[in-house]
C-alpha cells in the first residue's frame, strides 16, 4: 500500500471517532457528564393538578343535606308512689285505697301543700288552718267542711293509720287542683293549675241564699227526723224536678208548684231549720246525689195515688221513693 493511501485511511478513522454519539460512550461504560435535558421536568407534578377546582355553587345548593341524628328518647320517669300531689310523692302509710278511691291523710297533704299549716286532730276530728281557710273532717262523716262549703264524701271520712284521711279528689276540689289517673303507669296525680285561685270559693259566695233557704226548709219539713242520707234524698227529688222538662225549672217554682210540696205563704217555710237539714241542703247544692231518678216520695207504706201510679225505687228510713 502506498504511503499516500495509508494517510487517507488514517484520516477517515479519526473523523469517524470524533462523530460517535456520547450515548454510545455511556453505553460503553464512560461516565455521562451531559446536563439533564429540559424535558425531564415533566416528571414534576403538573401545576394545573395542584390547583383545586372551585366547587360549583349550584351543585352545593342542590346537594342533599346531611340527615340530622334523631334525638335520643328521654328516659321514662320512675315513680316511687302511686299518688303524687303537686309533683311530690305521697309516702307509703300516708294514703290508702278505699273502695276504689285514694284517701290521703290531711297531715300528709299539708306536709306537701303548706308546711306552715296548723293541723290538729283530737277524738277523730281533724282541723286544718291553711291559706286563710279552715278544713274540718270527722271520722265516719259523709262530708267535709272547707271554707264554708260542705263537700260530700260517699264512702265517709276514713282513717289511714291513726290519722284522719279524705279522698284525694276532695283534696283536689278544696285546693282547685286537677285530679287525673294515668292508667299506663298506675299513678294518680293532683296538679295545680296556673291562673286558678289557690282554694275553692267561699260558701257565702257559692250558695244561692234564697234557693238554699227554700231547700233547707222543704228538707226539714219532709225529713227533719230522718238520717242525713234521707234528707239528701228529699233534696235530690227537688233538684231532679228542676232538671226535668216535666216540671218547673227553678227551686222556687218546683217547691211552690200547685198540689206538690207546700203552697206559697205557708208557715212551715218559716220554721226554724235544724243544722243537719242546712247541711243536707248545702250538700245537694254541691251536687251530692243518693236518689238520681226519683220524682216523688211518700211516707213508708202509705197507699195512695203515688204508690199506685208511680214506679217504686227504694226506701230510705221512713220514706218510700218513686220514679
C-alpha atoms as a PDB file:
ATOM      1  CA  UNK A   1       0.000   0.000   0.000  1.00  0.00           C
ATOM      2  CA  UNK A   2       1.324   3.333  -0.866  1.00  0.00           C
ATOM      3  CA  UNK A   3       2.161   5.865   1.779  1.00  0.00           C
ATOM      4  CA  UNK A   4      -0.442   8.262   0.393  1.00  0.00           C
ATOM      5  CA  UNK A   5      -3.266   5.675   0.711  1.00  0.00           C
ATOM      6  CA  UNK A   6      -2.391   4.888   4.331  1.00  0.00           C
ATOM      7  CA  UNK A   7      -2.556   8.551   5.308  1.00  0.00           C
ATOM      8  CA  UNK A   8      -6.008   8.821   3.706  1.00  0.00           C
ATOM      9  CA  UNK A   9      -7.344   5.845   5.622  1.00  0.00           C
ATOM     10  CA  UNK A  10      -5.948   7.158   8.927  1.00  0.00           C
ATOM     11  CA  UNK A  11      -7.682  10.460   8.350  1.00  0.00           C
ATOM     12  CA  UNK A  12     -11.041   8.697   7.798  1.00  0.00           C
ATOM     13  CA  UNK A  13     -10.695   6.780  11.061  1.00  0.00           C
ATOM     14  CA  UNK A  14     -10.023   9.987  13.002  1.00  0.00           C
ATOM     15  CA  UNK A  15     -13.112  11.695  11.605  1.00  0.00           C
ATOM     16  CA  UNK A  16     -15.299   8.681  12.459  1.00  0.00           C
ATOM     17  CA  UNK A  17     -14.074   8.664  16.046  1.00  0.00           C
ATOM     18  CA  UNK A  18     -14.991  12.331  16.521  1.00  0.00           C
ATOM     19  CA  UNK A  19     -18.621  11.804  15.257  1.00  0.00           C
ATOM     20  CA  UNK A  20     -19.553   8.886  17.649  1.00  0.00           C
ATOM     21  CA  UNK A  21     -22.640   9.832  19.920  1.00  0.00           C
ATOM     22  CA  UNK A  22     -21.989  10.448  23.617  1.00  0.00           C
ATOM     23  CA  UNK A  23     -24.685   7.937  24.494  1.00  0.00           C
ATOM     24  CA  UNK A  24     -22.521   5.302  22.883  1.00  0.00           C
ATOM     25  CA  UNK A  25     -19.737   6.264  25.183  1.00  0.00           C
ATOM     26  CA  UNK A  26     -22.053   5.872  28.156  1.00  0.00           C
ATOM     27  CA  UNK A  27     -23.183   2.510  26.933  1.00  0.00           C
ATOM     28  CA  UNK A  28     -19.544   1.588  26.745  1.00  0.00           C
ATOM     29  CA  UNK A  29     -19.106   2.469  30.438  1.00  0.00           C
ATOM     30  CA  UNK A  30     -17.940   6.042  30.036  1.00  0.00           C
ATOM     31  CA  UNK A  31     -19.431   8.437  32.662  1.00  0.00           C
ATOM     32  CA  UNK A  32     -22.162  10.691  31.237  1.00  0.00           C
ATOM     33  CA  UNK A  33     -21.417  14.294  32.126  1.00  0.00           C
ATOM     34  CA  UNK A  34     -24.111  15.791  29.861  1.00  0.00           C
ATOM     35  CA  UNK A  35     -26.562  18.093  31.784  1.00  0.00           C
ATOM     36  CA  UNK A  36     -30.132  16.749  32.068  1.00  0.00           C
ATOM     37  CA  UNK A  37     -32.439  17.732  29.257  1.00  0.00           C
ATOM     38  CA  UNK A  38     -35.091  20.383  29.961  1.00  0.00           C
ATOM     39  CA  UNK A  39     -37.883  17.949  29.118  1.00  0.00           C
ATOM     40  CA  UNK A  40     -37.092  15.896  32.239  1.00  0.00           C
ATOM     41  CA  UNK A  41     -39.061  18.463  34.307  1.00  0.00           C
ATOM     42  CA  UNK A  42     -42.205  16.710  33.045  1.00  0.00           C
ATOM     43  CA  UNK A  43     -41.645  14.240  35.867  1.00  0.00           C
ATOM     44  CA  UNK A  44     -42.540  17.022  38.389  1.00  0.00           C
ATOM     45  CA  UNK A  45     -46.161  17.413  39.441  1.00  0.00           C
ATOM     46  CA  UNK A  46     -48.404  19.193  36.972  1.00  0.00           C
ATOM     47  CA  UNK A  47     -49.019  22.740  38.296  1.00  0.00           C
ATOM     48  CA  UNK A  48     -52.542  22.536  36.979  1.00  0.00           C
ATOM     49  CA  UNK A  49     -53.068  19.422  39.047  1.00  0.00           C
ATOM     50  CA  UNK A  50     -52.021  21.314  42.190  1.00  0.00           C
ATOM     51  CA  UNK A  51     -54.755  23.914  41.651  1.00  0.00           C
ATOM     52  CA  UNK A  52     -58.059  22.911  43.322  1.00  0.00           C
ATOM     53  CA  UNK A  53     -61.097  23.217  41.107  1.00  0.00           C
ATOM     54  CA  UNK A  54     -63.636  25.578  42.743  1.00  0.00           C
ATOM     55  CA  UNK A  55     -66.867  23.938  43.768  1.00  0.00           C
ATOM     56  CA  UNK A  56     -69.907  24.535  41.615  1.00  0.00           C
ATOM     57  CA  UNK A  57     -72.191  26.869  43.619  1.00  0.00           C
ATOM     58  CA  UNK A  58     -75.256  25.323  42.056  1.00  0.00           C
ATOM     59  CA  UNK A  59     -74.050  21.885  42.944  1.00  0.00           C
ATOM     60  CA  UNK A  60     -73.540  23.000  46.536  1.00  0.00           C
ATOM     61  CA  UNK A  61     -77.080  24.358  46.747  1.00  0.00           C
ATOM     62  CA  UNK A  62     -78.657  21.248  45.352  1.00  0.00           C
ATOM     63  CA  UNK A  63     -76.636  18.828  47.427  1.00  0.00           C
ATOM     64  CA  UNK A  64     -78.702  16.613  49.715  1.00  0.00           C
ATOM     65  CA  UNK A  65     -78.480  17.888  53.322  1.00  0.00           C
ATOM     66  CA  UNK A  66     -76.966  15.516  55.780  1.00  0.00           C
ATOM     67  CA  UNK A  67     -79.582  13.665  57.803  1.00  0.00           C
ATOM     68  CA  UNK A  68     -79.921  15.001  61.327  1.00  0.00           C
ATOM     69  CA  UNK A  69     -79.374  12.478  64.043  1.00  0.00           C
ATOM     70  CA  UNK A  70     -82.604  11.625  65.842  1.00  0.00           C
ATOM     71  CA  UNK A  71     -82.588  12.862  69.450  1.00  0.00           C
ATOM     72  CA  UNK A  72     -82.243  10.162  71.990  1.00  0.00           C
ATOM     73  CA  UNK A  73     -85.511   9.209  73.647  1.00  0.00           C
ATOM     74  CA  UNK A  74     -85.930  10.626  77.146  1.00  0.00           C
ATOM     75  CA  UNK A  75     -85.805   8.036  79.844  1.00  0.00           C
ATOM     76  CA  UNK A  76     -89.220   7.093  81.207  1.00  0.00           C
ATOM     77  CA  UNK A  77     -89.873   8.669  84.609  1.00  0.00           C
ATOM     78  CA  UNK A  78     -89.518   6.414  87.593  1.00  0.00           C
ATOM     79  CA  UNK A  79     -92.390   6.759  90.054  1.00  0.00           C
ATOM     80  CA  UNK A  80     -91.844   5.981  93.692  1.00  0.00           C
ATOM     81  CA  UNK A  81     -95.508   6.227  94.663  1.00  0.00           C
ATOM     82  CA  UNK A  82     -98.932   5.624  93.120  1.00  0.00           C
ATOM     83  CA  UNK A  83    -100.124   9.051  94.311  1.00  0.00           C
ATOM     84  CA  UNK A  84     -98.464  12.406  93.619  1.00  0.00           C
ATOM     85  CA  UNK A  85     -99.611  15.771  94.969  1.00  0.00           C
ATOM     86  CA  UNK A  86     -98.164  18.923  93.373  1.00  0.00           C
ATOM     87  CA  UNK A  87     -95.333  16.856  91.938  1.00  0.00           C
ATOM     88  CA  UNK A  88     -94.344  15.233  95.241  1.00  0.00           C
ATOM     89  CA  UNK A  89     -94.843  11.547  96.016  1.00  0.00           C
ATOM     90  CA  UNK A  90     -97.140  10.663  98.883  1.00  0.00           C
ATOM     91  CA  UNK A  91     -95.323   8.210 101.103  1.00  0.00           C
ATOM     92  CA  UNK A  92     -96.458   4.727 101.976  1.00  0.00           C
ATOM     93  CA  UNK A  93     -98.563   4.875 105.134  1.00  0.00           C
ATOM     94  CA  UNK A  94     -99.827   8.374 104.288  1.00  0.00           C
ATOM     95  CA  UNK A  95    -102.546   7.177 101.895  1.00  0.00           C
ATOM     96  CA  UNK A  96    -104.651   4.118 101.167  1.00  0.00           C
ATOM     97  CA  UNK A  97    -107.213   2.868  98.656  1.00  0.00           C
ATOM     98  CA  UNK A  98    -110.780   2.670  99.964  1.00  0.00           C
ATOM     99  CA  UNK A  99    -113.441   1.244  97.626  1.00  0.00           C
ATOM    100  CA  UNK A 100    -111.517   2.347  94.564  1.00  0.00           C
ATOM    101  CA  UNK A 101    -110.635   5.835  95.829  1.00  0.00           C
ATOM    102  CA  UNK A 102    -107.307   7.097  97.140  1.00  0.00           C
ATOM    103  CA  UNK A 103    -107.542   8.563 100.628  1.00  0.00           C
ATOM    104  CA  UNK A 104    -104.733  10.815 101.844  1.00  0.00           C
ATOM    105  CA  UNK A 105    -104.172  11.971 105.410  1.00  0.00           C
ATOM    106  CA  UNK A 106    -104.654  15.679 105.963  1.00  0.00           C
ATOM    107  CA  UNK A 107    -101.277  15.724 107.702  1.00  0.00           C
ATOM    108  CA  UNK A 108     -99.551  14.366 104.584  1.00  0.00           C
ATOM    109  CA  UNK A 109    -101.441  16.762 102.323  1.00  0.00           C
ATOM    110  CA  UNK A 110    -100.298  19.740 104.348  1.00  0.00           C
ATOM    111  CA  UNK A 111     -96.725  18.463 104.506  1.00  0.00           C
ATOM    112  CA  UNK A 112     -96.683  18.852 100.732  1.00  0.00           C
ATOM    113  CA  UNK A 113     -99.009  21.784 100.059  1.00  0.00           C
ATOM    114  CA  UNK A 114     -98.380  24.031 103.063  1.00  0.00           C
ATOM    115  CA  UNK A 115     -95.723  23.025 105.608  1.00  0.00           C
ATOM    116  CA  UNK A 116     -96.741  26.024 107.721  1.00  0.00           C
ATOM    117  CA  UNK A 117    -100.364  24.895 108.026  1.00  0.00           C
ATOM    118  CA  UNK A 118    -101.715  24.193 111.500  1.00  0.00           C
ATOM    119  CA  UNK A 119    -103.035  20.640 111.751  1.00  0.00           C
ATOM    120  CA  UNK A 120    -104.803  19.403 114.878  1.00  0.00           C
ATOM    121  CA  UNK A 121    -106.501  16.093 115.497  1.00  0.00           C
ATOM    122  CA  UNK A 122    -108.472  15.017 118.549  1.00  0.00           C
ATOM    123  CA  UNK A 123    -111.197  12.428 119.102  1.00  0.00           C
ATOM    124  CA  UNK A 124    -111.303  11.504 115.451  1.00  0.00           C
ATOM    125  CA  UNK A 125    -111.747  15.066 114.205  1.00  0.00           C
ATOM    126  CA  UNK A 126    -109.011  16.797 112.195  1.00  0.00           C
ATOM    127  CA  UNK A 127    -108.935  20.570 111.835  1.00  0.00           C
ATOM    128  CA  UNK A 128    -106.587  22.346 109.454  1.00  0.00           C
ATOM    129  CA  UNK A 129    -105.884  26.058 109.085  1.00  0.00           C
ATOM    130  CA  UNK A 130    -104.184  26.870 105.793  1.00  0.00           C
ATOM    131  CA  UNK A 131    -104.169  29.616 103.185  1.00  0.00           C
ATOM    132  CA  UNK A 132    -106.729  31.612 105.140  1.00  0.00           C
ATOM    133  CA  UNK A 133    -109.327  28.826 105.317  1.00  0.00           C
ATOM    134  CA  UNK A 134    -110.350  26.126 107.775  1.00  0.00           C
ATOM    135  CA  UNK A 135    -110.868  22.478 106.866  1.00  0.00           C
ATOM    136  CA  UNK A 136    -112.700  20.126 109.202  1.00  0.00           C
ATOM    137  CA  UNK A 137    -113.130  16.376 108.767  1.00  0.00           C
ATOM    138  CA  UNK A 138    -114.564  13.857 111.254  1.00  0.00           C
ATOM    139  CA  UNK A 139    -114.098  10.108 111.028  1.00  0.00           C
ATOM    140  CA  UNK A 140    -117.204   8.426 109.615  1.00  0.00           C
ATOM    141  CA  UNK A 141    -118.743  11.675 108.377  1.00  0.00           C
ATOM    142  CA  UNK A 142    -120.429  11.945 104.962  1.00  0.00           C
ATOM    143  CA  UNK A 143    -118.974  15.389 104.370  1.00  0.00           C
ATOM    144  CA  UNK A 144    -116.005  17.677 104.871  1.00  0.00           C
ATOM    145  CA  UNK A 145    -116.260  21.356 105.740  1.00  0.00           C
ATOM    146  CA  UNK A 146    -113.901  23.676 103.851  1.00  0.00           C
ATOM    147  CA  UNK A 147    -114.092  27.462 103.577  1.00  0.00           C
ATOM    148  CA  UNK A 148    -117.791  27.427 104.478  1.00  0.00           C
ATOM    149  CA  UNK A 149    -118.539  24.716 101.900  1.00  0.00           C
ATOM    150  CA  UNK A 150    -119.880  21.196 102.549  1.00  0.00           C
ATOM    151  CA  UNK A 151    -118.300  18.557 100.304  1.00  0.00           C
ATOM    152  CA  UNK A 152    -119.943  15.154 100.040  1.00  0.00           C
ATOM    153  CA  UNK A 153    -117.897  12.027 100.808  1.00  0.00           C
ATOM    154  CA  UNK A 154    -119.963   8.959  99.784  1.00  0.00           C
ATOM    155  CA  UNK A 155    -117.586   6.482 101.464  1.00  0.00           C
ATOM    156  CA  UNK A 156    -117.218   8.714 104.543  1.00  0.00           C
ATOM    157  CA  UNK A 157    -114.082  10.202 106.043  1.00  0.00           C
ATOM    158  CA  UNK A 158    -111.604   7.392 106.808  1.00  0.00           C
ATOM    159  CA  UNK A 159    -108.529   6.753 108.908  1.00  0.00           C
ATOM    160  CA  UNK A 160    -105.142   5.816 107.490  1.00  0.00           C
ATOM    161  CA  UNK A 161    -103.184   4.521 110.414  1.00  0.00           C
ATOM    162  CA  UNK A 162    -104.168   6.800 113.278  1.00  0.00           C
ATOM    163  CA  UNK A 163    -104.725   9.861 111.115  1.00  0.00           C
ATOM    164  CA  UNK A 164    -107.861  11.310 109.527  1.00  0.00           C
ATOM    165  CA  UNK A 165    -107.849  10.899 105.745  1.00  0.00           C
ATOM    166  CA  UNK A 166    -110.030  12.335 102.995  1.00  0.00           C
ATOM    167  CA  UNK A 167    -110.457  11.371  99.316  1.00  0.00           C
ATOM    168  CA  UNK A 168    -107.682  12.708  97.091  1.00  0.00           C
ATOM    169  CA  UNK A 169    -110.359  14.002  94.728  1.00  0.00           C
ATOM    170  CA  UNK A 170    -111.911  16.052  97.543  1.00  0.00           C
ATOM    171  CA  UNK A 171    -108.476  17.429  98.411  1.00  0.00           C
ATOM    172  CA  UNK A 172    -108.160  18.496  94.773  1.00  0.00           C
ATOM    173  CA  UNK A 173    -111.552  20.228  94.970  1.00  0.00           C
ATOM    174  CA  UNK A 174    -110.544  22.140  98.086  1.00  0.00           C
ATOM    175  CA  UNK A 175    -107.308  23.414  96.533  1.00  0.00           C
ATOM    176  CA  UNK A 176    -108.644  23.886  92.987  1.00  0.00           C
ATOM    177  CA  UNK A 177    -106.312  21.254  91.574  1.00  0.00           C
ATOM    178  CA  UNK A 178    -106.788  18.900  88.658  1.00  0.00           C
ATOM    179  CA  UNK A 179    -107.067  15.220  89.553  1.00  0.00           C
ATOM    180  CA  UNK A 180    -106.166  12.617  86.950  1.00  0.00           C
ATOM    181  CA  UNK A 181    -105.203   8.975  86.813  1.00  0.00           C
ATOM    182  CA  UNK A 182    -102.615   7.643  84.361  1.00  0.00           C
ATOM    183  CA  UNK A 183    -103.603   4.034  83.769  1.00  0.00           C
ATOM    184  CA  UNK A 184    -100.438   3.410  81.724  1.00  0.00           C
ATOM    185  CA  UNK A 185     -98.266   3.797  84.821  1.00  0.00           C
ATOM    186  CA  UNK A 186    -100.884   3.234  87.525  1.00  0.00           C
ATOM    187  CA  UNK A 187    -100.316   6.610  89.169  1.00  0.00           C
ATOM    188  CA  UNK A 188    -102.810   9.266  90.321  1.00  0.00           C
ATOM    189  CA  UNK A 189    -101.809  12.934  90.107  1.00  0.00           C
ATOM    190  CA  UNK A 190    -103.152  16.051  91.815  1.00  0.00           C
ATOM    191  CA  UNK A 191    -101.763  19.071  89.987  1.00  0.00           C
ATOM    192  CA  UNK A 192    -102.075  22.813  90.466  1.00  0.00           C
ATOM    193  CA  UNK A 193    -103.472  24.787  87.515  1.00  0.00           C
ATOM    194  CA  UNK A 194    -101.972  28.154  86.645  1.00  0.00           C
ATOM    195  CA  UNK A 195    -104.411  31.023  86.977  1.00  0.00           C
ATOM    196  CA  UNK A 196    -106.784  29.326  89.400  1.00  0.00           C
ATOM    197  CA  UNK A 197    -107.462  30.596  92.890  1.00  0.00           C
ATOM    198  CA  UNK A 198    -105.474  28.625  95.480  1.00  0.00           C
ATOM    199  CA  UNK A 199    -108.618  27.447  97.305  1.00  0.00           C
ATOM    200  CA  UNK A 200    -112.282  26.862  96.482  1.00  0.00           C
ATOM    201  CA  UNK A 201    -114.800  29.720  96.530  1.00  0.00           C
ATOM    202  CA  UNK A 202    -116.228  30.516  99.966  1.00  0.00           C
ATOM    203  CA  UNK A 203    -119.685  29.176 100.801  1.00  0.00           C
ATOM    204  CA  UNK A 204    -121.248  32.619 101.171  1.00  0.00           C
ATOM    205  CA  UNK A 205    -120.363  33.394  97.555  1.00  0.00           C
ATOM    206  CA  UNK A 206    -121.065  29.922  96.183  1.00  0.00           C
ATOM    207  CA  UNK A 207    -124.546  29.101  97.510  1.00  0.00           C
ATOM    208  CA  UNK A 208    -127.625  30.923  96.244  1.00  0.00           C
ATOM    209  CA  UNK A 209    -129.013  32.091  99.590  1.00  0.00           C
ATOM    210  CA  UNK A 210    -132.670  32.095  98.514  1.00  0.00           C
ATOM    211  CA  UNK A 211    -132.571  28.620  96.945  1.00  0.00           C
ATOM    212  CA  UNK A 212    -130.612  27.319  99.930  1.00  0.00           C
ATOM    213  CA  UNK A 213    -133.257  28.611 102.336  1.00  0.00           C
ATOM    214  CA  UNK A 214    -136.117  27.048 100.359  1.00  0.00           C
ATOM    215  CA  UNK A 215    -134.327  23.740 100.008  1.00  0.00           C
ATOM    216  CA  UNK A 216    -133.347  23.567 103.684  1.00  0.00           C
ATOM    217  CA  UNK A 217    -136.941  24.247 104.763  1.00  0.00           C
ATOM    218  CA  UNK A 218    -138.509  21.650 102.479  1.00  0.00           C
ATOM    219  CA  UNK A 219    -135.922  19.084 103.597  1.00  0.00           C
ATOM    220  CA  UNK A 220    -136.662  19.856 107.217  1.00  0.00           C
ATOM    221  CA  UNK A 221    -140.439  19.741 106.667  1.00  0.00           C
ATOM    222  CA  UNK A 222    -140.362  16.415 104.846  1.00  0.00           C
ATOM    223  CA  UNK A 223    -137.444  14.628 106.537  1.00  0.00           C
ATOM    224  CA  UNK A 224    -136.368  16.617 109.573  1.00  0.00           C
ATOM    225  CA  UNK A 225    -136.170  13.468 111.708  1.00  0.00           C
ATOM    226  CA  UNK A 226    -134.513  11.266 109.062  1.00  0.00           C
ATOM    227  CA  UNK A 227    -130.860  10.408 108.518  1.00  0.00           C
ATOM    228  CA  UNK A 228    -128.587  12.713 106.562  1.00  0.00           C
ATOM    229  CA  UNK A 229    -128.888  10.358 103.575  1.00  0.00           C
ATOM    230  CA  UNK A 230    -132.706  10.569 103.790  1.00  0.00           C
ATOM    231  CA  UNK A 231    -132.518  14.352 103.904  1.00  0.00           C
ATOM    232  CA  UNK A 232    -130.225  14.451 100.870  1.00  0.00           C
ATOM    233  CA  UNK A 233    -132.695  12.203  99.031  1.00  0.00           C
ATOM    234  CA  UNK A 234    -135.529  14.719  99.538  1.00  0.00           C
ATOM    235  CA  UNK A 235    -133.310  17.474  98.206  1.00  0.00           C
ATOM    236  CA  UNK A 236    -132.492  15.244  95.211  1.00  0.00           C
ATOM    237  CA  UNK A 237    -136.193  14.904  94.373  1.00  0.00           C
ATOM    238  CA  UNK A 238    -136.465  18.692  94.231  1.00  0.00           C
ATOM    239  CA  UNK A 239    -133.382  19.046  92.018  1.00  0.00           C
ATOM    240  CA  UNK A 240    -134.429  16.135  89.781  1.00  0.00           C
ATOM    241  CA  UNK A 241    -137.627  18.030  89.064  1.00  0.00           C
ATOM    242  CA  UNK A 242    -135.734  21.255  88.362  1.00  0.00           C
ATOM    243  CA  UNK A 243    -133.717  19.397  85.713  1.00  0.00           C
ATOM    244  CA  UNK A 244    -136.711  17.620  84.170  1.00  0.00           C
ATOM    245  CA  UNK A 245    -138.739  19.181  81.331  1.00  0.00           C
ATOM    246  CA  UNK A 246    -141.876  17.777  83.026  1.00  0.00           C
ATOM    247  CA  UNK A 247    -141.587  20.196  85.955  1.00  0.00           C
ATOM    248  CA  UNK A 248    -140.727  23.867  86.568  1.00  0.00           C
ATOM    249  CA  UNK A 249    -137.057  24.734  86.170  1.00  0.00           C
ATOM    250  CA  UNK A 250    -136.320  26.629  89.386  1.00  0.00           C
ATOM    251  CA  UNK A 251    -136.174  25.542  93.018  1.00  0.00           C
ATOM    252  CA  UNK A 252    -138.798  28.115  93.939  1.00  0.00           C
ATOM    253  CA  UNK A 253    -141.296  27.074  91.282  1.00  0.00           C
ATOM    254  CA  UNK A 254    -140.841  23.371  91.968  1.00  0.00           C
ATOM    255  CA  UNK A 255    -141.465  23.785  95.705  1.00  0.00           C
ATOM    256  CA  UNK A 256    -144.478  26.063  95.223  1.00  0.00           C
ATOM    257  CA  UNK A 257    -146.000  24.153  92.311  1.00  0.00           C
ATOM    258  CA  UNK A 258    -149.725  23.612  92.962  1.00  0.00           C
ATOM    259  CA  UNK A 259    -150.617  20.444  94.888  1.00  0.00           C
ATOM    260  CA  UNK A 260    -146.985  19.411  95.246  1.00  0.00           C
ATOM    261  CA  UNK A 261    -144.926  20.412  98.290  1.00  0.00           C
ATOM    262  CA  UNK A 262    -146.371  23.448 100.044  1.00  0.00           C
ATOM    263  CA  UNK A 263    -148.405  26.490  98.946  1.00  0.00           C
ATOM    264  CA  UNK A 264    -146.831  29.917  98.861  1.00  0.00           C
ATOM    265  CA  UNK A 265    -147.093  31.736 102.151  1.00  0.00           C
ATOM    266  CA  UNK A 266    -147.210  28.539 104.162  1.00  0.00           C
ATOM    267  CA  UNK A 267    -145.983  28.997 107.714  1.00  0.00           C
ATOM    268  CA  UNK A 268    -143.992  25.764 107.503  1.00  0.00           C
ATOM    269  CA  UNK A 269    -141.500  27.662 105.383  1.00  0.00           C
ATOM    270  CA  UNK A 270    -140.742  29.937 108.313  1.00  0.00           C
ATOM    271  CA  UNK A 271    -139.919  27.246 110.845  1.00  0.00           C
ATOM    272  CA  UNK A 272    -136.507  27.051 112.450  1.00  0.00           C
ATOM    273  CA  UNK A 273    -134.491  24.521 110.482  1.00  0.00           C
ATOM    274  CA  UNK A 274    -132.171  22.104 112.279  1.00  0.00           C
ATOM    275  CA  UNK A 275    -128.460  22.062 111.486  1.00  0.00           C
ATOM    276  CA  UNK A 276    -128.425  18.778 109.578  1.00  0.00           C
ATOM    277  CA  UNK A 277    -131.136  19.997 107.211  1.00  0.00           C
ATOM    278  CA  UNK A 278    -128.977  23.001 106.387  1.00  0.00           C
ATOM    279  CA  UNK A 279    -126.021  20.683 105.818  1.00  0.00           C
ATOM    280  CA  UNK A 280    -128.127  18.421 103.580  1.00  0.00           C
ATOM    281  CA  UNK A 281    -129.303  21.394 101.518  1.00  0.00           C
ATOM    282  CA  UNK A 282    -125.714  22.554 101.012  1.00  0.00           C
ATOM    283  CA  UNK A 283    -124.571  19.066 100.057  1.00  0.00           C
ATOM    284  CA  UNK A 284    -127.355  18.842  97.462  1.00  0.00           C
ATOM    285  CA  UNK A 285    -126.348  22.208  96.027  1.00  0.00           C
ATOM    286  CA  UNK A 286    -122.767  20.910  95.838  1.00  0.00           C
ATOM    287  CA  UNK A 287    -124.008  18.019  93.732  1.00  0.00           C
ATOM    288  CA  UNK A 288    -124.414  15.207  96.274  1.00  0.00           C
ATOM    289  CA  UNK A 289    -126.724  12.545  94.829  1.00  0.00           C
ATOM    290  CA  UNK A 290    -128.210   9.493  96.543  1.00  0.00           C
ATOM    291  CA  UNK A 291    -131.519   9.453  94.613  1.00  0.00           C
ATOM    292  CA  UNK A 292    -130.788  10.150  90.927  1.00  0.00           C
ATOM    293  CA  UNK A 293    -134.067   9.083  89.327  1.00  0.00           C
ATOM    294  CA  UNK A 294    -136.885   9.734  91.825  1.00  0.00           C
ATOM    295  CA  UNK A 295    -139.508  12.482  91.368  1.00  0.00           C
ATOM    296  CA  UNK A 296    -141.988  11.516  94.128  1.00  0.00           C
ATOM    297  CA  UNK A 297    -141.942  10.249  97.709  1.00  0.00           C
ATOM    298  CA  UNK A 298    -144.395   9.142 100.385  1.00  0.00           C
ATOM    299  CA  UNK A 299    -144.365   8.044 103.984  1.00  0.00           C
ATOM    300  CA  UNK A 300    -143.198   4.460 104.063  1.00  0.00           C
ATOM    301  CA  UNK A 301    -146.062   2.040 103.294  1.00  0.00           C
ATOM    302  CA  UNK A 302    -148.629   4.745 102.629  1.00  0.00           C
ATOM    303  CA  UNK A 303    -151.159   3.739  99.975  1.00  0.00           C
ATOM    304  CA  UNK A 304    -152.308   6.435  97.600  1.00  0.00           C
ATOM    305  CA  UNK A 305    -152.014   7.851  94.110  1.00  0.00           C
ATOM    306  CA  UNK A 306    -148.194   7.865  94.133  1.00  0.00           C
ATOM    307  CA  UNK A 307    -147.795   4.255  95.277  1.00  0.00           C
ATOM    308  CA  UNK A 308    -150.436   3.107  92.789  1.00  0.00           C
ATOM    309  CA  UNK A 309    -149.298   5.085  89.738  1.00  0.00           C
ATOM    310  CA  UNK A 310    -145.561   5.619  90.034  1.00  0.00           C
ATOM    311  CA  UNK A 311    -142.664   3.147  89.848  1.00  0.00           C
ATOM    312  CA  UNK A 312    -141.195   2.292  93.227  1.00  0.00           C
ATOM    313  CA  UNK A 313    -137.463   2.947  93.515  1.00  0.00           C
ATOM    314  CA  UNK A 314    -136.337   2.354  97.101  1.00  0.00           C
ATOM    315  CA  UNK A 315    -136.927   3.167 100.746  1.00  0.00           C
ATOM    316  CA  UNK A 316    -134.601   5.246 102.903  1.00  0.00           C
ATOM    317  CA  UNK A 317    -135.536   5.394 106.555  1.00  0.00           C
ATOM    318  CA  UNK A 318    -139.246   6.078 106.778  1.00  0.00           C
ATOM    319  CA  UNK A 319    -139.665   7.373 103.215  1.00  0.00           C
ATOM    320  CA  UNK A 320    -140.571   5.472 100.015  1.00  0.00           C
ATOM    321  CA  UNK A 321    -139.261   6.964  96.771  1.00  0.00           C
ATOM    322  CA  UNK A 322    -140.811   6.653  93.294  1.00  0.00           C
ATOM    323  CA  UNK A 323    -139.742   7.499  89.768  1.00  0.00           C
END
